[in-house]
Amino acid sequence: MELAKVGILLRDDEQGYPLQEITELFGRHGIELAELEWNKDPPIDLDLVMAMGGDGTALKALDLCPLCPVLAVNYGTVGFLTAGDRADLESILAHLVKGEFLVSERIALECQYPTGCVRAVNEVIVRTYNRLMFTDVSVDDIEIRTIRGDGVVVGAPTGSTGFLLSTGAPIVMPDVRCLVLDGINEYNFSSRAIILPPDSRIRLHISPKTKDCKVYLTVDGRSQGELRPGDDILIRQADTPARLIYFDRSYFFHNLSSRLNW
C-alpha cells in the first residue's frame, strides 16, 4: 500500500500527542498528515487513518472513513482494536512508513431501522431501561424465538470483545465470518448466544407486549434515538468491511492477554 496522505484522529487534546514529531517523520517519507475532526467530513483522498485513543476513537475513525484502513494506537484504557500502546509509537511509525504491516479485514454490519440506516463494526443493541422487553427474532424470514429481557445485541466478530463480552457470549476471532446474536439479561436460564452465517438477514421486531414506550437503539456505542413497540430493525452484513492495521499476526491473542489477563 502506497501512503501519500494519512489522516490522524485524536481522542482529545489532553494526552500530549507528539504531532510535530509524527508530521516530521511522515514528511521525510513524502507523506502528508491531515488532522481530522470528530464532527466534520474528512478529506476524500486519505490512504490510511491513525486513531490515537481507545476503541471508541478507532470506531469513530472507521465510521468517518469507512473505505480507509485504520491504525489504532492505544491512548485509552482497554484498546482491543489497537495495534500497540503509546509507548510503542516510535516503532509503530517506523514499521508504518516502511510498509511493514498487515491489514485485517473484518465483517461489518448494516442496520436499517424506521428512520435511518447505519453501519456497525462492533454491535447493534436494542434495549429498554425500565421494563421487560419482548423481541421477536427472525433469521432469513424464519421466526426463531422471542427474547424476553432487557434487550438484544447483534454483533460482528470484532464486537465479541465489546458489549457481547458482558453478556457471556463467546469470544470470536475477528477473521471468522459469522454474526453473533444474544439476549441481554434474559428471563430464561437456558438461553444461549447463537452464531449465525455471515449472509444471515436478521429481523428484530419489538413486540407490542413490550410495556415500555421507549426503546433505545445503540450502534457501536452511539445512540441512534428511540424506537417504539411495533418497530422492526433489520441487520445484515454490510457491503463494506472494516479494515484495521496490525504489525504482528498474533496481535489478537496478545490483546486478549494484555487487556483481559487471559
C-alpha atoms as a PDB file:
ATOM      1  CA  MET A   1       0.000   0.000   0.000  1.00  0.00           C
ATOM      2  CA  GLU A   2       1.428   3.367  -1.043  1.00  0.00           C
ATOM      3  CA  LEU A   3       0.967   6.103   1.528  1.00  0.00           C
ATOM      4  CA  ALA A   4       0.710   9.672   0.267  1.00  0.00           C
ATOM      5  CA  LYS A   5      -1.763  11.178   2.754  1.00  0.00           C
ATOM      6  CA  VAL A   6      -2.549   9.919   6.252  1.00  0.00           C
ATOM      7  CA  GLY A   7      -5.346  11.230   8.447  1.00  0.00           C
ATOM      8  CA  ILE A   8      -4.962  11.380  12.223  1.00  0.00           C
ATOM      9  CA  LEU A   9      -7.870  11.372  14.678  1.00  0.00           C
ATOM     10  CA  LEU A  10      -7.201  12.306  18.311  1.00  0.00           C
ATOM     11  CA  ARG A  11      -9.338  11.304  21.288  1.00  0.00           C
ATOM     12  CA  ASP A  12      -8.906  14.713  22.953  1.00  0.00           C
ATOM     13  CA  ASP A  13      -6.358  17.481  23.421  1.00  0.00           C
ATOM     14  CA  GLU A  14      -5.016  16.345  26.808  1.00  0.00           C
ATOM     15  CA  GLN A  15      -2.846  13.337  26.010  1.00  0.00           C
ATOM     16  CA  GLY A  16       0.343  15.050  24.881  1.00  0.00           C
ATOM     17  CA  TYR A  17       0.313  13.667  21.343  1.00  0.00           C
ATOM     18  CA  PRO A  18       3.694  14.168  19.589  1.00  0.00           C
ATOM     19  CA  LEU A  19       2.115  15.659  16.484  1.00  0.00           C
ATOM     20  CA  GLN A  20       5.193  17.609  15.438  1.00  0.00           C
ATOM     21  CA  GLU A  21       7.398  14.507  15.526  1.00  0.00           C
ATOM     22  CA  ILE A  22       4.814  12.470  13.603  1.00  0.00           C
ATOM     23  CA  THR A  23       4.438  15.212  10.988  1.00  0.00           C
ATOM     24  CA  GLU A  24       8.225  15.481  10.542  1.00  0.00           C
ATOM     25  CA  LEU A  25       8.667  11.706  10.253  1.00  0.00           C
ATOM     26  CA  PHE A  26       5.936  11.393   7.644  1.00  0.00           C
ATOM     27  CA  GLY A  27       7.273  14.430   5.808  1.00  0.00           C
ATOM     28  CA  ARG A  28      10.710  12.820   5.463  1.00  0.00           C
ATOM     29  CA  HIS A  29       8.992   9.969   3.607  1.00  0.00           C
ATOM     30  CA  GLY A  30       6.851  12.230   1.445  1.00  0.00           C
ATOM     31  CA  ILE A  31       3.669  11.510   3.410  1.00  0.00           C
ATOM     32  CA  GLU A  32       1.247  14.339   4.180  1.00  0.00           C
ATOM     33  CA  LEU A  33      -0.508  14.342   7.578  1.00  0.00           C
ATOM     34  CA  ALA A  34      -4.077  15.673   7.920  1.00  0.00           C
ATOM     35  CA  GLU A  35      -5.654  16.157  11.361  1.00  0.00           C
ATOM     36  CA  LEU A  36      -9.306  15.044  11.348  1.00  0.00           C
ATOM     37  CA  GLU A  37     -12.208  16.441  13.348  1.00  0.00           C
ATOM     38  CA  TRP A  38     -14.846  14.272  15.023  1.00  0.00           C
ATOM     39  CA  ASN A  39     -17.856  16.079  13.574  1.00  0.00           C
ATOM     40  CA  LYS A  40     -16.637  17.093  10.120  1.00  0.00           C
ATOM     41  CA  ASP A  41     -16.302  15.150   6.897  1.00  0.00           C
ATOM     42  CA  PRO A  42     -12.689  14.025   6.297  1.00  0.00           C
ATOM     43  CA  PRO A  43     -10.713  14.563   3.079  1.00  0.00           C
ATOM     44  CA  ILE A  44     -11.614  12.035   0.405  1.00  0.00           C
ATOM     45  CA  ASP A  45      -8.020  11.305  -0.656  1.00  0.00           C
ATOM     46  CA  LEU A  46      -6.753   9.607   2.525  1.00  0.00           C
ATOM     47  CA  ASP A  47      -4.793   6.366   2.192  1.00  0.00           C
ATOM     48  CA  LEU A  48      -4.902   5.471   5.901  1.00  0.00           C
ATOM     49  CA  VAL A  49      -6.179   6.891   9.199  1.00  0.00           C
ATOM     50  CA  MET A  50      -4.347   6.814  12.536  1.00  0.00           C
ATOM     51  CA  ALA A  51      -6.680   6.766  15.549  1.00  0.00           C
ATOM     52  CA  MET A  52      -4.947   7.930  18.739  1.00  0.00           C
ATOM     53  CA  GLY A  53      -7.100   6.915  21.702  1.00  0.00           C
ATOM     54  CA  GLY A  54      -9.022   3.816  22.744  1.00  0.00           C
ATOM     55  CA  ASP A  55     -11.507   1.609  20.947  1.00  0.00           C
ATOM     56  CA  GLY A  56     -14.039   4.455  20.809  1.00  0.00           C
ATOM     57  CA  THR A  57     -11.607   6.550  18.785  1.00  0.00           C
ATOM     58  CA  ALA A  58     -10.875   3.606  16.482  1.00  0.00           C
ATOM     59  CA  LEU A  59     -14.607   3.021  15.915  1.00  0.00           C
ATOM     60  CA  LYS A  60     -15.127   6.721  15.170  1.00  0.00           C
ATOM     61  CA  ALA A  61     -12.295   6.622  12.621  1.00  0.00           C
ATOM     62  CA  LEU A  62     -13.868   3.574  10.941  1.00  0.00           C
ATOM     63  CA  ASP A  63     -17.172   5.440  10.865  1.00  0.00           C
ATOM     64  CA  LEU A  64     -15.685   8.650   9.437  1.00  0.00           C
ATOM     65  CA  CYS A  65     -13.604   6.843   6.819  1.00  0.00           C
ATOM     66  CA  PRO A  66     -15.319   3.517   6.023  1.00  0.00           C
ATOM     67  CA  LEU A  67     -13.190   2.882   2.934  1.00  0.00           C
ATOM     68  CA  CYS A  68      -9.831   3.523   4.679  1.00  0.00           C
ATOM     69  CA  PRO A  69      -7.771   1.112   6.756  1.00  0.00           C
ATOM     70  CA  VAL A  70      -7.362   2.372  10.326  1.00  0.00           C
ATOM     71  CA  LEU A  71      -4.284   2.105  12.535  1.00  0.00           C
ATOM     72  CA  ALA A  72      -5.311   2.437  16.192  1.00  0.00           C
ATOM     73  CA  VAL A  73      -2.721   3.408  18.819  1.00  0.00           C
ATOM     74  CA  ASN A  74      -3.885   2.926  22.407  1.00  0.00           C
ATOM     75  CA  TYR A  75      -4.051   6.162  24.394  1.00  0.00           C
ATOM     76  CA  GLY A  76      -7.057   4.817  26.303  1.00  0.00           C
ATOM     77  CA  THR A  77      -7.638   2.128  28.928  1.00  0.00           C
ATOM     78  CA  VAL A  78      -8.544  -1.100  27.103  1.00  0.00           C
ATOM     79  CA  GLY A  79      -7.922  -0.958  23.372  1.00  0.00           C
ATOM     80  CA  PHE A  80      -8.882  -4.334  21.876  1.00  0.00           C
ATOM     81  CA  LEU A  81      -8.754  -2.798  18.396  1.00  0.00           C
ATOM     82  CA  THR A  82      -5.368  -1.164  18.834  1.00  0.00           C
ATOM     83  CA  ALA A  83      -2.106  -2.255  17.225  1.00  0.00           C
ATOM     84  CA  GLY A  84       0.054  -1.069  20.129  1.00  0.00           C
ATOM     85  CA  ASP A  85       0.313   1.303  23.066  1.00  0.00           C
ATOM     86  CA  ARG A  86       1.600   4.870  23.169  1.00  0.00           C
ATOM     87  CA  ALA A  87       4.961   3.568  24.435  1.00  0.00           C
ATOM     88  CA  ASP A  88       5.322   1.685  21.130  1.00  0.00           C
ATOM     89  CA  LEU A  89       4.596   4.731  18.971  1.00  0.00           C
ATOM     90  CA  GLU A  90       8.145   5.161  17.656  1.00  0.00           C
ATOM     91  CA  SER A  91       8.412   1.563  16.424  1.00  0.00           C
ATOM     92  CA  ILE A  92       4.813   1.638  15.124  1.00  0.00           C
ATOM     93  CA  LEU A  93       5.580   4.666  12.959  1.00  0.00           C
ATOM     94  CA  ALA A  94       8.841   3.136  11.750  1.00  0.00           C
ATOM     95  CA  HIS A  95       7.051  -0.031  10.583  1.00  0.00           C
ATOM     96  CA  LEU A  96       4.272   2.025   9.038  1.00  0.00           C
ATOM     97  CA  VAL A  97       6.453   4.208   6.824  1.00  0.00           C
ATOM     98  CA  LYS A  98       8.381   1.097   5.706  1.00  0.00           C
ATOM     99  CA  GLY A  99       5.165  -0.633   4.706  1.00  0.00           C
ATOM    100  CA  GLU A 100       5.747  -3.425   7.231  1.00  0.00           C
ATOM    101  CA  PHE A 101       2.177  -4.069   8.300  1.00  0.00           C
ATOM    102  CA  LEU A 102      -0.820  -6.267   7.566  1.00  0.00           C
ATOM    103  CA  VAL A 103      -4.473  -5.381   7.024  1.00  0.00           C
ATOM    104  CA  SER A 104      -7.128  -7.253   8.993  1.00  0.00           C
ATOM    105  CA  GLU A 105     -10.411  -7.203   7.064  1.00  0.00           C
ATOM    106  CA  ARG A 106     -13.480  -7.778   9.256  1.00  0.00           C
ATOM    107  CA  ILE A 107     -17.206  -8.160   8.777  1.00  0.00           C
ATOM    108  CA  ALA A 108     -19.220  -5.006   9.469  1.00  0.00           C
ATOM    109  CA  LEU A 109     -22.988  -4.776   9.930  1.00  0.00           C
ATOM    110  CA  GLU A 110     -25.677  -2.739   8.221  1.00  0.00           C
ATOM    111  CA  CYS A 111     -28.586  -1.791  10.485  1.00  0.00           C
ATOM    112  CA  GLN A 112     -31.822  -0.472   8.981  1.00  0.00           C
ATOM    113  CA  TYR A 113     -34.441   1.000  11.313  1.00  0.00           C
ATOM    114  CA  PRO A 114     -37.581   3.115  10.767  1.00  0.00           C
ATOM    115  CA  THR A 115     -35.754   6.439  10.493  1.00  0.00           C
ATOM    116  CA  GLY A 116     -32.365   5.529   9.048  1.00  0.00           C
ATOM    117  CA  CYS A 117     -29.597   3.129   8.132  1.00  0.00           C
ATOM    118  CA  VAL A 118     -26.202   2.907   9.847  1.00  0.00           C
ATOM    119  CA  ARG A 119     -23.051   0.769   9.696  1.00  0.00           C
ATOM    120  CA  ALA A 120     -21.657  -1.033  12.744  1.00  0.00           C
ATOM    121  CA  VAL A 121     -18.238  -2.575  13.345  1.00  0.00           C
ATOM    122  CA  ASN A 122     -18.866  -3.897  16.864  1.00  0.00           C
ATOM    123  CA  GLU A 123     -22.561  -4.341  17.563  1.00  0.00           C
ATOM    124  CA  VAL A 124     -26.166  -3.220  17.353  1.00  0.00           C
ATOM    125  CA  ILE A 125     -28.020  -3.030  20.697  1.00  0.00           C
ATOM    126  CA  VAL A 126     -31.780  -2.675  21.145  1.00  0.00           C
ATOM    127  CA  ARG A 127     -32.893  -2.337  24.762  1.00  0.00           C
ATOM    128  CA  THR A 128     -35.151  -0.784  27.364  1.00  0.00           C
ATOM    129  CA  TYR A 129     -34.004   0.552  30.738  1.00  0.00           C
ATOM    130  CA  ASN A 130     -37.073   0.273  32.949  1.00  0.00           C
ATOM    131  CA  ARG A 131     -39.379  -2.556  31.902  1.00  0.00           C
ATOM    132  CA  LEU A 132     -39.326  -6.003  30.322  1.00  0.00           C
ATOM    133  CA  MET A 133     -38.794  -6.055  26.554  1.00  0.00           C
ATOM    134  CA  PHE A 134     -40.185  -8.711  24.196  1.00  0.00           C
ATOM    135  CA  THR A 135     -38.280  -9.073  20.919  1.00  0.00           C
ATOM    136  CA  ASP A 136     -39.391 -11.446  18.153  1.00  0.00           C
ATOM    137  CA  VAL A 137     -36.253 -12.634  16.367  1.00  0.00           C
ATOM    138  CA  SER A 138     -36.336 -13.835  12.746  1.00  0.00           C
ATOM    139  CA  VAL A 139     -33.452 -15.106  10.646  1.00  0.00           C
ATOM    140  CA  ASP A 140     -33.893 -15.253   6.869  1.00  0.00           C
ATOM    141  CA  ASP A 141     -37.640 -14.669   7.341  1.00  0.00           C
ATOM    142  CA  ILE A 142     -37.986 -17.606   9.738  1.00  0.00           C
ATOM    143  CA  GLU A 143     -39.083 -16.645  13.253  1.00  0.00           C
ATOM    144  CA  ILE A 144     -36.773 -18.499  15.638  1.00  0.00           C
ATOM    145  CA  ARG A 145     -37.700 -17.241  19.099  1.00  0.00           C
ATOM    146  CA  THR A 146     -38.920 -14.416  21.305  1.00  0.00           C
ATOM    147  CA  ILE A 147     -36.335 -12.946  23.657  1.00  0.00           C
ATOM    148  CA  ARG A 148     -37.705 -11.670  26.978  1.00  0.00           C
ATOM    149  CA  GLY A 149     -35.296  -9.475  28.888  1.00  0.00           C
ATOM    150  CA  ASP A 150     -33.625  -6.086  28.815  1.00  0.00           C
ATOM    151  CA  GLY A 151     -32.933  -6.278  25.094  1.00  0.00           C
ATOM    152  CA  VAL A 152     -30.981  -7.890  22.251  1.00  0.00           C
ATOM    153  CA  VAL A 153     -27.478  -7.462  20.860  1.00  0.00           C
ATOM    154  CA  VAL A 154     -26.290  -8.470  17.388  1.00  0.00           C
ATOM    155  CA  GLY A 155     -22.558  -8.268  16.852  1.00  0.00           C
ATOM    156  CA  ALA A 156     -19.817  -8.878  14.342  1.00  0.00           C
ATOM    157  CA  PRO A 157     -16.790 -10.960  15.445  1.00  0.00           C
ATOM    158  CA  THR A 158     -14.948  -7.700  16.216  1.00  0.00           C
ATOM    159  CA  GLY A 159     -17.696  -6.907  18.736  1.00  0.00           C
ATOM    160  CA  SER A 160     -17.215 -10.170  20.649  1.00  0.00           C
ATOM    161  CA  THR A 161     -14.677  -8.344  22.843  1.00  0.00           C
ATOM    162  CA  GLY A 162     -17.054  -5.382  23.210  1.00  0.00           C
ATOM    163  CA  PHE A 163     -20.543  -5.352  24.716  1.00  0.00           C
ATOM    164  CA  LEU A 164     -21.088  -9.036  23.838  1.00  0.00           C
ATOM    165  CA  LEU A 165     -18.362  -9.946  26.327  1.00  0.00           C
ATOM    166  CA  SER A 166     -20.588  -8.720  29.164  1.00  0.00           C
ATOM    167  CA  THR A 167     -23.473 -10.966  28.058  1.00  0.00           C
ATOM    168  CA  GLY A 168     -21.358 -14.110  28.296  1.00  0.00           C
ATOM    169  CA  ALA A 169     -21.248 -14.663  24.526  1.00  0.00           C
ATOM    170  CA  PRO A 170     -18.156 -16.414  23.130  1.00  0.00           C
ATOM    171  CA  ILE A 171     -15.014 -14.594  22.059  1.00  0.00           C
ATOM    172  CA  VAL A 172     -14.709 -14.931  18.273  1.00  0.00           C
ATOM    173  CA  MET A 173     -11.517 -14.369  16.302  1.00  0.00           C
ATOM    174  CA  PRO A 174     -12.026 -11.348  14.032  1.00  0.00           C
ATOM    175  CA  ASP A 175     -11.276 -13.200  10.786  1.00  0.00           C
ATOM    176  CA  VAL A 176     -14.094 -15.711  11.404  1.00  0.00           C
ATOM    177  CA  ARG A 177     -17.029 -14.987   9.098  1.00  0.00           C
ATOM    178  CA  CYS A 178     -20.146 -15.004  11.268  1.00  0.00           C
ATOM    179  CA  LEU A 179     -22.692 -12.936  13.196  1.00  0.00           C
ATOM    180  CA  VAL A 180     -23.431 -13.292  16.920  1.00  0.00           C
ATOM    181  CA  LEU A 181     -26.886 -12.807  18.456  1.00  0.00           C
ATOM    182  CA  ASP A 182     -27.594 -12.767  22.192  1.00  0.00           C
ATOM    183  CA  GLY A 183     -30.194 -11.535  24.658  1.00  0.00           C
ATOM    184  CA  ILE A 184     -29.453  -9.020  27.414  1.00  0.00           C
ATOM    185  CA  ASN A 185     -30.353 -10.168  30.934  1.00  0.00           C
ATOM    186  CA  GLU A 186     -32.869 -12.704  29.641  1.00  0.00           C
ATOM    187  CA  TYR A 187     -35.588 -14.173  31.845  1.00  0.00           C
ATOM    188  CA  ASN A 188     -34.607 -17.647  30.679  1.00  0.00           C
ATOM    189  CA  PHE A 189     -31.848 -19.663  32.349  1.00  0.00           C
ATOM    190  CA  SER A 190     -31.456 -21.906  29.296  1.00  0.00           C
ATOM    191  CA  SER A 191     -30.791 -19.029  26.904  1.00  0.00           C
ATOM    192  CA  ARG A 192     -27.557 -19.035  24.913  1.00  0.00           C
ATOM    193  CA  ALA A 193     -25.921 -16.879  22.276  1.00  0.00           C
ATOM    194  CA  ILE A 194     -26.312 -18.112  18.718  1.00  0.00           C
ATOM    195  CA  ILE A 195     -23.666 -17.978  15.968  1.00  0.00           C
ATOM    196  CA  LEU A 196     -25.117 -17.298  12.520  1.00  0.00           C
ATOM    197  CA  PRO A 197     -23.714 -17.465   8.966  1.00  0.00           C
ATOM    198  CA  PRO A 198     -22.385 -14.133   7.697  1.00  0.00           C
ATOM    199  CA  ASP A 199     -25.049 -13.794   4.997  1.00  0.00           C
ATOM    200  CA  SER A 200     -27.925 -14.112   7.500  1.00  0.00           C
ATOM    201  CA  ARG A 201     -30.672 -11.496   7.448  1.00  0.00           C
ATOM    202  CA  ILE A 202     -31.805 -10.759  10.999  1.00  0.00           C
ATOM    203  CA  ARG A 203     -35.083  -9.056  11.850  1.00  0.00           C
ATOM    204  CA  LEU A 204     -35.747  -7.805  15.383  1.00  0.00           C
ATOM    205  CA  HIS A 205     -39.428  -6.984  15.900  1.00  0.00           C
ATOM    206  CA  ILE A 206     -40.222  -5.068  19.065  1.00  0.00           C
ATOM    207  CA  SER A 207     -43.344  -6.859  20.206  1.00  0.00           C
ATOM    208  CA  PRO A 208     -46.404  -4.866  21.311  1.00  0.00           C
ATOM    209  CA  LYS A 209     -46.080  -6.894  24.535  1.00  0.00           C
ATOM    210  CA  THR A 210     -43.246  -4.528  25.440  1.00  0.00           C
ATOM    211  CA  LYS A 211     -44.752  -2.193  28.027  1.00  0.00           C
ATOM    212  CA  ASP A 212     -42.043   0.455  27.932  1.00  0.00           C
ATOM    213  CA  CYS A 213     -42.921   3.028  25.266  1.00  0.00           C
ATOM    214  CA  LYS A 214     -39.255   3.982  24.839  1.00  0.00           C
ATOM    215  CA  VAL A 215     -36.808   1.512  23.309  1.00  0.00           C
ATOM    216  CA  TYR A 216     -33.248   2.639  22.627  1.00  0.00           C
ATOM    217  CA  LEU A 217     -31.086   1.785  19.616  1.00  0.00           C
ATOM    218  CA  THR A 218     -27.319   1.996  20.113  1.00  0.00           C
ATOM    219  CA  VAL A 219     -24.760   1.246  17.400  1.00  0.00           C
ATOM    220  CA  ASP A 220     -21.067   0.947  18.312  1.00  0.00           C
ATOM    221  CA  GLY A 221     -21.748   2.948  21.468  1.00  0.00           C
ATOM    222  CA  ARG A 222     -23.522   5.772  19.616  1.00  0.00           C
ATOM    223  CA  SER A 223     -27.200   6.451  20.308  1.00  0.00           C
ATOM    224  CA  GLN A 224     -29.404   6.355  17.202  1.00  0.00           C
ATOM    225  CA  GLY A 225     -32.517   7.561  19.007  1.00  0.00           C
ATOM    226  CA  GLU A 226     -35.673   5.922  20.257  1.00  0.00           C
ATOM    227  CA  LEU A 227     -37.843   3.147  18.841  1.00  0.00           C
ATOM    228  CA  ARG A 228     -41.375   2.067  19.710  1.00  0.00           C
ATOM    229  CA  PRO A 229     -43.180  -1.249  20.188  1.00  0.00           C
ATOM    230  CA  GLY A 230     -44.133  -2.493  16.723  1.00  0.00           C
ATOM    231  CA  ASP A 231     -40.915  -1.238  15.066  1.00  0.00           C
ATOM    232  CA  ASP A 232     -38.603  -3.519  13.083  1.00  0.00           C
ATOM    233  CA  ILE A 233     -34.792  -3.451  12.937  1.00  0.00           C
ATOM    234  CA  LEU A 234     -33.112  -5.239  10.024  1.00  0.00           C
ATOM    235  CA  ILE A 235     -29.471  -6.310  10.352  1.00  0.00           C
ATOM    236  CA  ARG A 236     -27.216  -7.916   7.761  1.00  0.00           C
ATOM    237  CA  GLN A 237     -23.590  -7.960   6.695  1.00  0.00           C
ATOM    238  CA  ALA A 238     -22.515  -4.586   5.284  1.00  0.00           C
ATOM    239  CA  ASP A 239     -21.096  -4.332   1.785  1.00  0.00           C
ATOM    240  CA  THR A 240     -18.001  -2.506   3.068  1.00  0.00           C
ATOM    241  CA  PRO A 241     -15.827  -4.385   5.581  1.00  0.00           C
ATOM    242  CA  ALA A 242     -13.876  -2.776   8.403  1.00  0.00           C
ATOM    243  CA  ARG A 243     -10.111  -2.717   7.814  1.00  0.00           C
ATOM    244  CA  LEU A 244      -7.618  -2.418  10.663  1.00  0.00           C
ATOM    245  CA  ILE A 245      -3.820  -2.224  10.532  1.00  0.00           C
ATOM    246  CA  TYR A 246      -1.605  -4.540  12.629  1.00  0.00           C
ATOM    247  CA  PHE A 247       2.073  -5.461  12.692  1.00  0.00           C
ATOM    248  CA  ASP A 248       2.010  -8.952  14.211  1.00  0.00           C
ATOM    249  CA  ARG A 249      -0.190 -11.889  13.194  1.00  0.00           C
ATOM    250  CA  SER A 250      -0.580 -12.824  16.864  1.00  0.00           C
ATOM    251  CA  TYR A 251      -1.998  -9.372  17.779  1.00  0.00           C
ATOM    252  CA  PHE A 252      -5.426 -10.763  18.718  1.00  0.00           C
ATOM    253  CA  PHE A 253      -4.093 -13.149  21.356  1.00  0.00           C
ATOM    254  CA  HIS A 254      -1.624 -10.530  22.567  1.00  0.00           C
ATOM    255  CA  ASN A 255      -4.517  -8.109  23.141  1.00  0.00           C
ATOM    256  CA  LEU A 256      -6.548 -10.775  24.940  1.00  0.00           C
ATOM    257  CA  SER A 257      -3.605 -11.482  27.220  1.00  0.00           C
ATOM    258  CA  SER A 258      -2.726  -7.863  27.940  1.00  0.00           C
ATOM    259  CA  ARG A 259      -6.299  -6.495  28.227  1.00  0.00           C
ATOM    260  CA  LEU A 260      -8.053  -9.406  29.973  1.00  0.00           C
ATOM    261  CA  ASN A 261      -5.171 -11.224  31.708  1.00  0.00           C
ATOM    262  CA  TRP A 262      -6.260 -14.149  29.551  1.00  0.00           C
END
